[in-house]
Amino acid sequence: MAKDNEKKDAVQAAENAGEQKVVKDTKAAVKKSAPKKKGKKTGFWKGVRQEMSRVIWPTRQELGQYTVLTVAFCALFAVGFWLIDTGFLAVLKAMFGVTLS
């Protein structure tokens, strides 16, 4: 029985040593792969420049069309919200006599 306990202790010690080694190896890998502080910002701006070069920009005509559509939809929604607000106010006036001062 004592031999069994010794074997279990030995196995457990070996497992713990293996876990510690894995943890140390992981920390070393993280340190190696961590980006350097110097040049961090320049790397960011290089990436931004690359992404912006990949963008397909609209033509002047397309930009004008998109602008007109955006303004038209904003006006349409503004009128829609105004109508809904006026309708609610009419209902409140009729039911409770509420007025806006």
N, C-alpha and C. Protein backbone atom coordinates (compact mmCIF):
# COMPACT_ATOMS: atom_id res chain seq x y z
N MET A 1 0.81 -1.18 0.00
CA MET A 1 0.00 0.00 0.00
C MET A 1 0.86 1.26 0.00
N ALA A 2 1.94 1.21 0.73
CA ALA A 2 2.85 2.35 0.78
C ALA A 2 3.48 2.58 -0.59
N LYS A 3 3.74 1.46 -1.29
CA LYS A 3 4.31 1.59 -2.63
C LYS A 3 3.33 2.26 -3.57
N ASP A 4 2.02 1.92 -3.42
CA ASP A 4 1.01 2.54 -4.26
C ASP A 4 0.96 4.05 -4.03
N ASN A 5 1.01 4.44 -2.77
CA ASN A 5 0.99 5.86 -2.44
C ASN A 5 2.22 6.57 -3.00
N GLU A 6 3.37 5.90 -2.94
CA GLU A 6 4.59 6.49 -3.48
C GLU A 6 4.48 6.67 -4.99
N LYS A 7 3.90 5.64 -5.65
CA LYS A 7 3.72 5.73 -7.09
C LYS A 7 2.78 6.87 -7.45
N LYS A 8 1.68 6.99 -6.69
CA LYS A 8 0.72 8.06 -6.95
C LYS A 8 1.36 9.42 -6.75
N ASP A 9 2.15 9.54 -5.68
CA ASP A 9 2.84 10.79 -5.41
C ASP A 9 3.84 11.12 -6.51
N ALA A 10 4.54 10.09 -7.00
CA ALA A 10 5.52 10.30 -8.05
C ALA A 10 4.84 10.72 -9.35
N VAL A 11 3.71 10.06 -9.67
CA VAL A 11 2.96 10.41 -10.87
C VAL A 11 2.41 11.82 -10.77
N GLN A 12 1.88 12.15 -9.60
CA GLN A 12 1.32 13.48 -9.39
C GLN A 12 2.41 14.55 -9.47
N ALA A 13 3.57 14.27 -8.92
CA ALA A 13 4.68 15.21 -8.98
C ALA A 13 5.13 15.42 -10.42
N ALA A 14 5.16 14.32 -11.20
CA ALA A 14 5.56 14.42 -12.60
C ALA A 14 4.53 15.24 -13.39
N GLU A 15 3.25 15.02 -13.09
CA GLU A 15 2.20 15.79 -13.78
C GLU A 15 2.31 17.27 -13.44
N ASN A 16 2.52 17.57 -12.18
CA ASN A 16 2.66 18.96 -11.76
C ASN A 16 3.86 19.62 -12.43
N ALA A 17 4.96 18.88 -12.53
CA ALA A 17 6.16 19.42 -13.18
C ALA A 17 5.87 19.69 -14.65
N GLY A 18 5.12 18.79 -15.28
CA GLY A 18 4.75 18.98 -16.69
C GLY A 18 3.88 20.20 -16.88
N GLU A 19 2.94 20.40 -15.95
CA GLU A 19 2.05 21.56 -16.03
C GLU A 19 2.84 22.84 -15.87
N GLN A 20 3.79 22.82 -14.94
CA GLN A 20 4.60 24.02 -14.73
C GLN A 20 5.43 24.32 -15.97
N LYS A 21 5.94 23.29 -16.60
CA LYS A 21 6.74 23.48 -17.80
C LYS A 21 5.88 24.07 -18.92
N VAL A 22 4.65 23.56 -19.07
CA VAL A 22 3.74 24.08 -20.09
C VAL A 22 3.45 25.55 -19.83
N VAL A 23 3.21 25.89 -18.57
CA VAL A 23 2.92 27.28 -18.22
C VAL A 23 4.12 28.16 -18.56
N LYS A 24 5.32 27.70 -18.21
CA LYS A 24 6.52 28.47 -18.52
C LYS A 24 6.68 28.62 -20.03
N ASP A 25 6.46 27.54 -20.79
CA ASP A 25 6.59 27.59 -22.24
C ASP A 25 5.57 28.56 -22.83
N THR A 26 4.36 28.56 -22.29
CA THR A 26 3.31 29.46 -22.79
C THR A 26 3.69 30.90 -22.53
N LYS A 27 4.21 31.19 -21.34
CA LYS A 27 4.63 32.55 -21.03
C LYS A 27 5.74 32.99 -21.97
N ALA A 28 6.67 32.10 -22.25
CA ALA A 28 7.77 32.44 -23.15
C ALA A 28 7.24 32.72 -24.55
N ALA A 29 6.26 31.92 -24.99
CA ALA A 29 5.69 32.13 -26.32
C ALA A 29 4.95 33.45 -26.39
N VAL A 30 4.26 33.81 -25.33
CA VAL A 30 3.54 35.09 -25.30
C VAL A 30 4.52 36.24 -25.35
N LYS A 31 5.61 36.13 -24.60
CA LYS A 31 6.61 37.19 -24.61
C LYS A 31 7.22 37.36 -25.99
N LYS A 32 7.48 36.26 -26.67
CA LYS A 32 8.08 36.33 -28.00
C LYS A 32 7.11 36.91 -29.02
N SER A 33 5.82 36.58 -28.92
CA SER A 33 4.86 37.02 -29.91
C SER A 33 4.28 38.40 -29.63
N ALA A 34 4.54 38.94 -28.44
CA ALA A 34 4.00 40.25 -28.09
C ALA A 34 4.66 41.32 -28.97
N PRO A 35 3.85 42.24 -29.52
CA PRO A 35 4.43 43.28 -30.37
C PRO A 35 5.27 44.25 -29.54
N LYS A 36 6.26 44.80 -30.19
CA LYS A 36 7.11 45.76 -29.51
C LYS A 36 6.36 47.07 -29.35
N LYS A 37 6.64 47.77 -28.27
CA LYS A 37 5.95 49.04 -28.03
C LYS A 37 6.36 50.09 -29.04
N LYS A 38 7.64 50.09 -29.40
CA LYS A 38 8.11 51.05 -30.38
C LYS A 38 7.58 50.66 -31.76
N GLY A 39 6.97 51.59 -32.46
CA GLY A 39 6.44 51.30 -33.78
C GLY A 39 5.02 50.78 -33.76
N LYS A 40 4.40 50.73 -32.60
CA LYS A 40 3.05 50.22 -32.49
C LYS A 40 2.07 51.12 -33.24
N LYS A 41 2.24 52.43 -33.06
CA LYS A 41 1.34 53.39 -33.70
C LYS A 41 1.58 53.44 -35.20
N THR A 42 2.81 53.37 -35.61
CA THR A 42 3.09 53.42 -37.05
C THR A 42 2.53 52.19 -37.74
N GLY A 43 2.59 51.05 -37.06
CA GLY A 43 2.02 49.84 -37.62
C GLY A 43 0.51 49.96 -37.79
N PHE A 44 -0.14 50.60 -36.82
CA PHE A 44 -1.58 50.83 -36.90
C PHE A 44 -1.91 51.68 -38.11
N TRP A 45 -1.19 52.78 -38.29
CA TRP A 45 -1.48 53.69 -39.40
C TRP A 45 -1.15 53.07 -40.74
N LYS A 46 -0.15 52.19 -40.78
CA LYS A 46 0.14 51.46 -42.02
C LYS A 46 -1.05 50.57 -42.39
N GLY A 47 -1.61 49.90 -41.38
CA GLY A 47 -2.78 49.05 -41.62
C GLY A 47 -3.97 49.86 -42.08
N VAL A 48 -4.15 51.03 -41.49
CA VAL A 48 -5.25 51.90 -41.90
C VAL A 48 -5.07 52.31 -43.36
N ARG A 49 -3.85 52.68 -43.71
CA ARG A 49 -3.57 53.11 -45.09
C ARG A 49 -3.85 51.97 -46.07
N GLN A 50 -3.45 50.75 -45.71
CA GLN A 50 -3.68 49.60 -46.59
C GLN A 50 -5.17 49.35 -46.77
N GLU A 51 -5.93 49.40 -45.67
CA GLU A 51 -7.38 49.16 -45.76
C GLU A 51 -8.07 50.24 -46.59
N MET A 52 -7.63 51.48 -46.40
CA MET A 52 -8.25 52.58 -47.15
C MET A 52 -7.95 52.47 -48.64
N SER A 53 -6.81 51.90 -48.99
CA SER A 53 -6.49 51.74 -50.41
C SER A 53 -7.35 50.65 -51.05
N ARG A 54 -7.88 49.76 -50.24
CA ARG A 54 -8.73 48.68 -50.76
C ARG A 54 -10.19 49.11 -50.95
N VAL A 55 -10.55 50.24 -50.39
CA VAL A 55 -11.93 50.70 -50.46
C VAL A 55 -12.27 51.11 -51.89
N ILE A 56 -13.44 50.73 -52.34
CA ILE A 56 -13.92 51.16 -53.65
C ILE A 56 -14.77 52.40 -53.41
N TRP A 57 -14.22 53.54 -53.75
CA TRP A 57 -14.88 54.81 -53.48
C TRP A 57 -15.94 55.08 -54.54
N PRO A 58 -17.07 55.71 -54.17
CA PRO A 58 -18.10 56.03 -55.16
C PRO A 58 -17.64 57.15 -56.09
N THR A 59 -18.21 57.13 -57.29
CA THR A 59 -17.91 58.21 -58.23
C THR A 59 -18.65 59.47 -57.78
N ARG A 60 -18.33 60.59 -58.40
CA ARG A 60 -18.98 61.85 -58.04
C ARG A 60 -20.50 61.77 -58.27
N GLN A 61 -20.90 61.11 -59.36
CA GLN A 61 -22.33 60.97 -59.67
C GLN A 61 -23.02 60.09 -58.63
N GLU A 62 -22.41 58.97 -58.27
CA GLU A 62 -22.98 58.08 -57.27
C GLU A 62 -23.10 58.78 -55.92
N LEU A 63 -22.08 59.56 -55.56
CA LEU A 63 -22.10 60.28 -54.30
C LEU A 63 -23.26 61.28 -54.26
N GLY A 64 -23.50 61.95 -55.38
CA GLY A 64 -24.63 62.88 -55.46
C GLY A 64 -25.96 62.15 -55.30
N GLN A 65 -26.09 61.01 -55.95
CA GLN A 65 -27.33 60.23 -55.85
C GLN A 65 -27.56 59.75 -54.42
N TYR A 66 -26.52 59.26 -53.78
CA TYR A 66 -26.64 58.79 -52.40
C TYR A 66 -27.02 59.93 -51.47
N THR A 67 -26.46 61.11 -51.71
CA THR A 67 -26.76 62.26 -50.87
C THR A 67 -28.22 62.66 -51.02
N VAL A 68 -28.72 62.70 -52.25
CA VAL A 68 -30.13 63.04 -52.48
C VAL A 68 -31.04 62.02 -51.83
N LEU A 69 -30.74 60.74 -51.96
CA LEU A 69 -31.56 59.71 -51.33
C LEU A 69 -31.56 59.83 -49.81
N THR A 70 -30.41 60.13 -49.23
CA THR A 70 -30.32 60.26 -47.78
C THR A 70 -31.17 61.43 -47.29
N VAL A 71 -31.06 62.56 -47.96
CA VAL A 71 -31.84 63.74 -47.55
C VAL A 71 -33.33 63.47 -47.74
N ALA A 72 -33.71 62.80 -48.83
CA ALA A 72 -35.12 62.50 -49.09
C ALA A 72 -35.68 61.57 -48.01
N PHE A 73 -34.95 60.54 -47.63
CA PHE A 73 -35.43 59.63 -46.59
C PHE A 73 -35.52 60.32 -45.24
N CYS A 74 -34.57 61.20 -44.95
CA CYS A 74 -34.63 61.95 -43.69
C CYS A 74 -35.88 62.82 -43.66
N ALA A 75 -36.18 63.49 -44.76
CA ALA A 75 -37.38 64.33 -44.84
C ALA A 75 -38.63 63.47 -44.71
N LEU A 76 -38.65 62.33 -45.37
CA LEU A 76 -39.80 61.43 -45.31
C LEU A 76 -40.05 60.96 -43.87
N PHE A 77 -39.01 60.56 -43.19
CA PHE A 77 -39.17 60.12 -41.81
C PHE A 77 -39.57 61.27 -40.89
N ALA A 78 -39.05 62.47 -41.14
CA ALA A 78 -39.43 63.63 -40.33
C ALA A 78 -40.92 63.91 -40.47
N VAL A 79 -41.41 63.87 -41.68
CA VAL A 79 -42.85 64.09 -41.91
C VAL A 79 -43.66 62.97 -41.26
N GLY A 80 -43.19 61.75 -41.37
CA GLY A 80 -43.89 60.62 -40.75
C GLY A 80 -43.97 60.76 -39.23
N PHE A 81 -42.87 61.13 -38.60
CA PHE A 81 -42.88 61.31 -37.14
C PHE A 81 -43.76 62.49 -36.74
N TRP A 82 -43.76 63.56 -37.56
CA TRP A 82 -44.62 64.72 -37.28
C TRP A 82 -46.08 64.31 -37.33
N LEU A 83 -46.46 63.50 -38.34
CA LEU A 83 -47.84 63.03 -38.45
C LEU A 83 -48.23 62.16 -37.25
N ILE A 84 -47.36 61.27 -36.85
CA ILE A 84 -47.65 60.41 -35.70
C ILE A 84 -47.80 61.25 -34.43
N ASP A 85 -46.91 62.23 -34.25
CA ASP A 85 -46.97 63.09 -33.08
C ASP A 85 -48.26 63.91 -33.07
N THR A 86 -48.63 64.44 -34.23
CA THR A 86 -49.87 65.21 -34.33
C THR A 86 -51.08 64.33 -34.04
N GLY A 87 -51.05 63.09 -34.50
CA GLY A 87 -52.14 62.15 -34.24
C GLY A 87 -52.27 61.84 -32.75
N PHE A 88 -51.15 61.58 -32.08
CA PHE A 88 -51.19 61.32 -30.64
C PHE A 88 -51.72 62.53 -29.87
N LEU A 89 -51.29 63.72 -30.29
CA LEU A 89 -51.75 64.93 -29.60
C LEU A 89 -53.26 65.10 -29.79
N ALA A 90 -53.76 64.81 -30.99
CA ALA A 90 -55.20 64.91 -31.23
C ALA A 90 -55.97 63.91 -30.36
N VAL A 91 -55.45 62.71 -30.22
CA VAL A 91 -56.10 61.69 -29.39
C VAL A 91 -56.09 62.13 -27.92
N LEU A 92 -54.96 62.66 -27.43
CA LEU A 92 -54.88 63.12 -26.05
C LEU A 92 -55.82 64.30 -25.78
N LYS A 93 -55.93 65.20 -26.77
CA LYS A 93 -56.84 66.33 -26.62
C LYS A 93 -58.29 65.84 -26.52
N ALA A 94 -58.63 64.87 -27.38
CA ALA A 94 -60.00 64.37 -27.39
C ALA A 94 -60.34 63.58 -26.12
N MET A 95 -59.41 62.79 -25.63
CA MET A 95 -59.67 61.93 -24.47
C MET A 95 -59.55 62.66 -23.13
N PHE A 96 -58.49 63.46 -22.98
CA PHE A 96 -58.20 64.04 -21.69
C PHE A 96 -58.19 65.56 -21.66
N GLY A 97 -58.33 66.19 -22.78
CA GLY A 97 -58.29 67.66 -22.84
C GLY A 97 -56.89 68.21 -22.65
N VAL A 98 -55.85 67.41 -22.99
CA VAL A 98 -54.46 67.84 -22.84
C VAL A 98 -54.12 68.82 -23.94
N THR A 99 -53.44 69.90 -23.56
CA THR A 99 -52.96 70.87 -24.54
C THR A 99 -51.49 71.16 -24.30
N LEU A 100 -50.83 71.59 -25.33
CA LEU A 100 -49.44 72.02 -25.20
C LEU A 100 -49.41 73.52 -25.09
N SER A 101 -48.64 74.01 -24.15
CA SER A 101 -48.58 75.46 -23.99
C SER A 101 -47.35 76.04 -24.63
